[in-house]
Amino acid sequence: MAEEIKAEMVANVWKVVAAAGDEVSEGDTLVILESMKMEIPVITESDGVVSKIAVNEGDVVQEGDLIAVIE
């Protein structure tokens, strides 16, 4: 079952850490968002393989926007 990781707030994509095809474990950082001069790591809640990173560095995400999919 795929896990969709979504933005929890409006923020800038500061750094993309993971790429499609990467194996990840629960708690690994996928992307780092920046909002109000704070860095917010976006983590996975399960083990798996990243099937999609839906954002690029410099993008602006809205609450609920898809960030990544873990298979």
PDB file of N, CA and C in Angstrom:
ATOM      1  N   MET A   1       0.841  -1.185   0.000  1.00  0.00           N
ATOM      2  CA  MET A   1       0.000   0.000   0.000  1.00  0.00           C
ATOM      3  C   MET A   1       0.884   1.246   0.000  1.00  0.00           C
ATOM      4  N   ALA A   2       0.584   2.184  -0.862  1.00  0.00           N
ATOM      5  CA  ALA A   2       1.381   3.401  -0.985  1.00  0.00           C
ATOM      6  C   ALA A   2       1.033   4.386   0.133  1.00  0.00           C
ATOM      7  N   GLU A   3       2.054   5.055   0.619  1.00  0.00           N
ATOM      8  CA  GLU A   3       1.883   6.111   1.619  1.00  0.00           C
ATOM      9  C   GLU A   3       2.133   7.440   0.921  1.00  0.00           C
ATOM     10  N   GLU A   4       1.132   8.320   0.909  1.00  0.00           N
ATOM     11  CA  GLU A   4       1.296   9.652   0.333  1.00  0.00           C
ATOM     12  C   GLU A   4       1.710  10.611   1.439  1.00  0.00           C
ATOM     13  N   ILE A   5       2.816  11.298   1.222  1.00  0.00           N
ATOM     14  CA  ILE A   5       3.298  12.292   2.174  1.00  0.00           C
ATOM     15  C   ILE A   5       2.844  13.653   1.650  1.00  0.00           C
ATOM     16  N   LYS A   6       2.110  14.394   2.482  1.00  0.00           N
ATOM     17  CA  LYS A   6       1.558  15.682   2.059  1.00  0.00           C
ATOM     18  C   LYS A   6       2.062  16.801   2.958  1.00  0.00           C
ATOM     19  N   ALA A   7       2.085  18.008   2.403  1.00  0.00           N
ATOM     20  CA  ALA A   7       2.505  19.189   3.161  1.00  0.00           C
ATOM     21  C   ALA A   7       1.490  19.495   4.250  1.00  0.00           C
ATOM     22  N   GLU A   8       1.994  19.848   5.412  1.00  0.00           N
ATOM     23  CA  GLU A   8       1.115  20.189   6.526  1.00  0.00           C
ATOM     24  C   GLU A   8       0.916  21.693   6.662  1.00  0.00           C
ATOM     25  N   MET A   9       1.624  22.470   5.823  1.00  0.00           N
ATOM     26  CA  MET A   9       1.543  23.929   5.900  1.00  0.00           C
ATOM     27  C   MET A   9       2.026  24.535   4.587  1.00  0.00           C
ATOM     28  N   VAL A  10       1.780  25.808   4.417  1.00  0.00           N
ATOM     29  CA  VAL A  10       2.345  26.550   3.294  1.00  0.00           C
ATOM     30  C   VAL A  10       3.822  26.776   3.607  1.00  0.00           C
ATOM     31  N   ALA A  11       4.686  26.421   2.658  1.00  0.00           N
ATOM     32  CA  ALA A  11       6.120  26.545   2.903  1.00  0.00           C
ATOM     33  C   ALA A  11       6.880  26.504   1.583  1.00  0.00           C
ATOM     34  N   ASN A  12       8.146  26.894   1.646  1.00  0.00           N
ATOM     35  CA  ASN A  12       9.059  26.759   0.514  1.00  0.00           C
ATOM     36  C   ASN A  12       9.791  25.437   0.642  1.00  0.00           C
ATOM     37  N   VAL A  13      10.050  24.777  -0.479  1.00  0.00           N
ATOM     38  CA  VAL A  13      10.857  23.562  -0.469  1.00  0.00           C
ATOM     39  C   VAL A  13      12.312  24.022  -0.451  1.00  0.00           C
ATOM     40  N   TRP A  14      12.959  23.835   0.687  1.00  0.00           N
ATOM     41  CA  TRP A  14      14.334  24.304   0.872  1.00  0.00           C
ATOM     42  C   TRP A  14      15.333  23.301   0.315  1.00  0.00           C
ATOM     43  N   LYS A  15      15.124  22.002   0.623  1.00  0.00           N
ATOM     44  CA  LYS A  15      16.052  20.972   0.164  1.00  0.00           C
ATOM     45  C   LYS A  15      15.314  19.659  -0.047  1.00  0.00           C
ATOM     46  N   VAL A  16      15.595  18.998  -1.173  1.00  0.00           N
ATOM     47  CA  VAL A  16      15.071  17.663  -1.444  1.00  0.00           C
ATOM     48  C   VAL A  16      16.184  16.684  -1.079  1.00  0.00           C
ATOM     49  N   VAL A  17      15.921  15.822  -0.098  1.00  0.00           N
ATOM     50  CA  VAL A  17      16.931  14.905   0.421  1.00  0.00           C
ATOM     51  C   VAL A  17      16.868  13.546  -0.273  1.00  0.00           C
ATOM     52  N   ALA A  18      15.671  13.050  -0.519  1.00  0.00           N
ATOM     53  CA  ALA A  18      15.486  11.716  -1.105  1.00  0.00           C
ATOM     54  C   ALA A  18      15.152  11.823  -2.589  1.00  0.00           C
ATOM     55  N   ALA A  19      15.349  10.721  -3.294  1.00  0.00           N
ATOM     56  CA  ALA A  19      15.031  10.655  -4.720  1.00  0.00           C
ATOM     57  C   ALA A  19      14.233   9.392  -4.998  1.00  0.00           C
ATOM     58  N   ALA A  20      13.517   9.388  -6.115  1.00  0.00           N
ATOM     59  CA  ALA A  20      12.785   8.193  -6.516  1.00  0.00           C
ATOM     60  C   ALA A  20      13.748   7.019  -6.605  1.00  0.00           C
ATOM     61  N   GLY A  21      13.336   5.890  -6.050  1.00  0.00           N
ATOM     62  CA  GLY A  21      14.172   4.691  -6.036  1.00  0.00           C
ATOM     63  C   GLY A  21      14.931   4.483  -4.744  1.00  0.00           C
ATOM     64  N   ASP A  22      15.020   5.525  -3.906  1.00  0.00           N
ATOM     65  CA  ASP A  22      15.721   5.399  -2.625  1.00  0.00           C
ATOM     66  C   ASP A  22      14.932   4.522  -1.660  1.00  0.00           C
ATOM     67  N   GLU A  23      15.637   3.661  -0.924  1.00  0.00           N
ATOM     68  CA  GLU A  23      15.019   2.918   0.171  1.00  0.00           C
ATOM     69  C   GLU A  23      15.050   3.803   1.405  1.00  0.00           C
ATOM     70  N   VAL A  24      13.923   3.881   2.103  1.00  0.00           N
ATOM     71  CA  VAL A  24      13.829   4.706   3.300  1.00  0.00           C
ATOM     72  C   VAL A  24      13.273   3.889   4.456  1.00  0.00           C
ATOM     73  N   SER A  25      13.602   4.338   5.653  1.00  0.00           N
ATOM     74  CA  SER A  25      13.102   3.728   6.878  1.00  0.00           C
ATOM     75  C   SER A  25      12.234   4.732   7.612  1.00  0.00           C
ATOM     76  N   GLU A  26      11.365   4.233   8.468  1.00  0.00           N
ATOM     77  CA  GLU A  26      10.506   5.098   9.267  1.00  0.00           C
ATOM     78  C   GLU A  26      11.354   6.168   9.944  1.00  0.00           C
ATOM     79  N   GLY A  27      10.938   7.426   9.811  1.00  0.00           N
ATOM     80  CA  GLY A  27      11.643   8.538  10.440  1.00  0.00           C
ATOM     81  C   GLY A  27      12.679   9.215   9.559  1.00  0.00           C
ATOM     82  N   ASP A  28      12.956   8.662   8.370  1.00  0.00           N
ATOM     83  CA  ASP A  28      13.919   9.290   7.462  1.00  0.00           C
ATOM     84  C   ASP A  28      13.341  10.586   6.893  1.00  0.00           C
ATOM     85  N   THR A  29      14.220  11.566   6.699  1.00  0.00           N
ATOM     86  CA  THR A  29      13.817  12.842   6.105  1.00  0.00           C
ATOM     87  C   THR A  29      13.788  12.709   4.588  1.00  0.00           C
ATOM     88  N   LEU A  30      12.694  13.159   3.985  1.00  0.00           N
ATOM     89  CA  LEU A  30      12.538  13.141   2.538  1.00  0.00           C
ATOM     90  C   LEU A  30      12.838  14.507   1.934  1.00  0.00           C
ATOM     91  N   VAL A  31      12.300  15.534   2.561  1.00  0.00           N
ATOM     92  CA  VAL A  31      12.382  16.907   2.069  1.00  0.00           C
ATOM     93  C   VAL A  31      12.476  17.818   3.294  1.00  0.00           C
ATOM     94  N   ILE A  32      13.132  18.964   3.136  1.00  0.00           N
ATOM     95  CA  ILE A  32      13.142  19.968   4.200  1.00  0.00           C
ATOM     96  C   ILE A  32      12.419  21.199   3.678  1.00  0.00           C
ATOM     97  N   LEU A  33      11.383  21.592   4.403  1.00  0.00           N
ATOM     98  CA  LEU A  33      10.617  22.790   4.065  1.00  0.00           C
ATOM     99  C   LEU A  33      11.123  23.961   4.898  1.00  0.00           C
ATOM    100  N   GLU A  34      10.869  25.171   4.414  1.00  0.00           N
ATOM    101  CA  GLU A  34      11.239  26.384   5.148  1.00  0.00           C
ATOM    102  C   GLU A  34      10.007  27.265   5.226  1.00  0.00           C
ATOM    103  N   SER A  35       9.685  27.673   6.447  1.00  0.00           N
ATOM    104  CA  SER A  35       8.563  28.573   6.656  1.00  0.00           C
ATOM    105  C   SER A  35       8.891  29.479   7.830  1.00  0.00           C
ATOM    106  N   MET A  36       8.743  30.764   7.638  1.00  0.00           N
ATOM    107  CA  MET A  36       9.026  31.749   8.687  1.00  0.00           C
ATOM    108  C   MET A  36      10.425  31.541   9.281  1.00  0.00           C
ATOM    109  N   LYS A  37      11.403  31.305   8.414  1.00  0.00           N
ATOM    110  CA  LYS A  37      12.815  31.129   8.769  1.00  0.00           C
ATOM    111  C   LYS A  37      13.066  29.896   9.643  1.00  0.00           C
ATOM    112  N   MET A  38      12.126  28.954   9.644  1.00  0.00           N
ATOM    113  CA  MET A  38      12.309  27.692  10.364  1.00  0.00           C
ATOM    114  C   MET A  38      12.409  26.567   9.351  1.00  0.00           C
ATOM    115  N   GLU A  39      13.307  25.619   9.601  1.00  0.00           N
ATOM    116  CA  GLU A  39      13.433  24.441   8.747  1.00  0.00           C
ATOM    117  C   GLU A  39      12.564  23.328   9.318  1.00  0.00           C
ATOM    118  N   ILE A  40      11.710  22.763   8.482  1.00  0.00           N
ATOM    119  CA  ILE A  40      10.784  21.719   8.918  1.00  0.00           C
ATOM    120  C   ILE A  40      11.045  20.458   8.101  1.00  0.00           C
ATOM    121  N   PRO A  41      11.586  19.404   8.740  1.00  0.00           N
ATOM    122  CA  PRO A  41      11.803  18.160   7.988  1.00  0.00           C
ATOM    123  C   PRO A  41      10.483  17.441   7.730  1.00  0.00           C
ATOM    124  N   VAL A  42      10.343  16.905   6.530  1.00  0.00           N
ATOM    125  CA  VAL A  42       9.192  16.077   6.170  1.00  0.00           C
ATOM    126  C   VAL A  42       9.704  14.644   6.194  1.00  0.00           C
ATOM    127  N   ILE A  43       9.139  13.822   7.084  1.00  0.00           N
ATOM    128  CA  ILE A  43       9.648  12.467   7.290  1.00  0.00           C
ATOM    129  C   ILE A  43       8.643  11.422   6.834  1.00  0.00           C
ATOM    130  N   THR A  44       9.155  10.210   6.629  1.00  0.00           N
ATOM    131  CA  THR A  44       8.288   9.092   6.289  1.00  0.00           C
ATOM    132  C   THR A  44       7.875   8.377   7.570  1.00  0.00           C
ATOM    133  N   GLU A  45       6.665   7.868   7.569  1.00  0.00           N
ATOM    134  CA  GLU A  45       6.144   7.160   8.736  1.00  0.00           C
ATOM    135  C   GLU A  45       6.231   5.647   8.568  1.00  0.00           C
ATOM    136  N   SER A  46       6.831   5.201   7.470  1.00  0.00           N
ATOM    137  CA  SER A  46       6.950   3.756   7.256  1.00  0.00           C
ATOM    138  C   SER A  46       8.191   3.453   6.421  1.00  0.00           C
ATOM    139  N   ASP A  47       8.620   2.192   6.461  1.00  0.00           N
ATOM    140  CA  ASP A  47       9.721   1.738   5.622  1.00  0.00           C
ATOM    141  C   ASP A  47       9.207   1.533   4.201  1.00  0.00           C
ATOM    142  N   GLY A  48      10.081   1.694   3.224  1.00  0.00           N
ATOM    143  CA  GLY A  48       9.669   1.441   1.846  1.00  0.00           C
ATOM    144  C   GLY A  48      10.648   2.014   0.852  1.00  0.00           C
ATOM    145  N   VAL A  49      10.159   2.168  -0.369  1.00  0.00           N
ATOM    146  CA  VAL A  49      10.947   2.730  -1.461  1.00  0.00           C
ATOM    147  C   VAL A  49      10.222   3.964  -1.970  1.00  0.00           C
ATOM    148  N   VAL A  50      10.966   5.051  -2.156  1.00  0.00           N
ATOM    149  CA  VAL A  50      10.383   6.276  -2.691  1.00  0.00           C
ATOM    150  C   VAL A  50      10.017   6.025  -4.150  1.00  0.00           C
ATOM    151  N   SER A  51       8.735   6.127  -4.475  1.00  0.00           N
ATOM    152  CA  SER A  51       8.331   5.937  -5.869  1.00  0.00           C
ATOM    153  C   SER A  51       8.192   7.270  -6.595  1.00  0.00           C
ATOM    154  N   LYS A  52       8.007   8.355  -5.831  1.00  0.00           N
ATOM    155  CA  LYS A  52       7.853   9.667  -6.463  1.00  0.00           C
ATOM    156  C   LYS A  52       8.196  10.767  -5.479  1.00  0.00           C
ATOM    157  N   ILE A  53       8.960  11.754  -5.944  1.00  0.00           N
ATOM    158  CA  ILE A  53       9.133  13.021  -5.241  1.00  0.00           C
ATOM    159  C   ILE A  53       8.429  14.053  -6.113  1.00  0.00           C
ATOM    160  N   ALA A  54       7.391  14.676  -5.580  1.00  0.00           N
ATOM    161  CA  ALA A  54       6.520  15.528  -6.384  1.00  0.00           C
ATOM    162  C   ALA A  54       6.883  17.015  -6.314  1.00  0.00           C
ATOM    163  N   VAL A  55       7.989  17.351  -5.641  1.00  0.00           N
ATOM    164  CA  VAL A  55       8.389  18.752  -5.507  1.00  0.00           C
ATOM    165  C   VAL A  55       9.851  18.916  -5.908  1.00  0.00           C
ATOM    166  N   ASN A  56      10.213  20.147  -6.187  1.00  0.00           N
ATOM    167  CA  ASN A  56      11.597  20.504  -6.491  1.00  0.00           C
ATOM    168  C   ASN A  56      12.039  21.604  -5.540  1.00  0.00           C
ATOM    169  N   GLU A  57      13.353  21.707  -5.333  1.00  0.00           N
ATOM    170  CA  GLU A  57      13.873  22.782  -4.491  1.00  0.00           C
ATOM    171  C   GLU A  57      13.424  24.116  -5.067  1.00  0.00           C
ATOM    172  N   GLY A  58      12.950  24.999  -4.187  1.00  0.00           N
ATOM    173  CA  GLY A  58      12.480  26.314  -4.610  1.00  0.00           C
ATOM    174  C   GLY A  58      10.978  26.389  -4.823  1.00  0.00           C
ATOM    175  N   ASP A  59      10.311  25.231  -4.916  1.00  0.00           N
ATOM    176  CA  ASP A  59       8.850  25.228  -5.074  1.00  0.00           C
ATOM    177  C   ASP A  59       8.182  25.768  -3.808  1.00  0.00           C
ATOM    178  N   VAL A  60       6.977  26.270  -3.966  1.00  0.00           N
ATOM    179  CA  VAL A  60       6.133  26.641  -2.836  1.00  0.00           C
ATOM    180  C   VAL A  60       5.017  25.614  -2.768  1.00  0.00           C
ATOM    181  N   VAL A  61       4.827  25.021  -1.589  1.00  0.00           N
ATOM    182  CA  VAL A  61       3.756  24.046  -1.405  1.00  0.00           C
ATOM    183  C   VAL A  61       2.660  24.647  -0.535  1.00  0.00           C
ATOM    184  N   GLN A  62       1.443  24.221  -0.817  1.00  0.00           N
ATOM    185  CA  GLN A  62       0.282  24.614  -0.019  1.00  0.00           C
ATOM    186  C   GLN A  62      -0.089  23.452   0.900  1.00  0.00           C
ATOM    187  N   GLU A  63      -0.802  23.722   1.952  1.00  0.00           N
ATOM    188  CA  GLU A  63      -1.248  22.659   2.852  1.00  0.00           C
ATOM    189  C   GLU A  63      -2.020  21.625   2.052  1.00  0.00           C
ATOM    190  N   GLY A  64      -1.628  20.355   2.190  1.00  0.00           N
ATOM    191  CA  GLY A  64      -2.306  19.261   1.501  1.00  0.00           C
ATOM    192  C   GLY A  64      -1.667  18.861   0.179  1.00  0.00           C
ATOM    193  N   ASP A  65      -0.696  19.653  -0.311  1.00  0.00           N
ATOM    194  CA  ASP A  65      -0.026  19.301  -1.568  1.00  0.00           C
ATOM    195  C   ASP A  65       0.806  18.027  -1.392  1.00  0.00           C
ATOM    196  N   LEU A  66       0.827  17.205  -2.432  1.00  0.00           N
ATOM    197  CA  LEU A  66       1.617  15.974  -2.412  1.00  0.00           C
ATOM    198  C   LEU A  66       3.097  16.310  -2.455  1.00  0.00           C
ATOM    199  N   ILE A  67       3.867  15.693  -1.554  1.00  0.00           N
ATOM    200  CA  ILE A  67       5.322  15.867  -1.532  1.00  0.00           C
ATOM    201  C   ILE A  67       6.008  14.622  -2.049  1.00  0.00           C
ATOM    202  N   ALA A  68       5.581  13.450  -1.583  1.00  0.00           N
ATOM    203  CA  ALA A  68       6.241  12.212  -1.988  1.00  0.00           C
ATOM    204  C   ALA A  68       5.287  11.042  -1.834  1.00  0.00           C
ATOM    205  N   VAL A  69       5.632   9.926  -2.516  1.00  0.00           N
ATOM    206  CA  VAL A  69       4.902   8.676  -2.386  1.00  0.00           C
ATOM    207  C   VAL A  69       5.899   7.586  -2.038  1.00  0.00           C
ATOM    208  N   ILE A  70       5.577   6.807  -0.991  1.00  0.00           N
ATOM    209  CA  ILE A  70       6.404   5.684  -0.542  1.00  0.00           C
ATOM    210  C   ILE A  70       5.646   4.410  -0.811  1.00  0.00           C
ATOM    211  N   GLU A  71       6.283   3.445  -1.475  1.00  0.00           N
ATOM    212  CA  GLU A  71       5.655   2.147  -1.745  1.00  0.00           C
ATOM    213  C   GLU A  71       6.117   1.125  -0.726  1.00  0.00           C
TER     214      GLU A  71
END
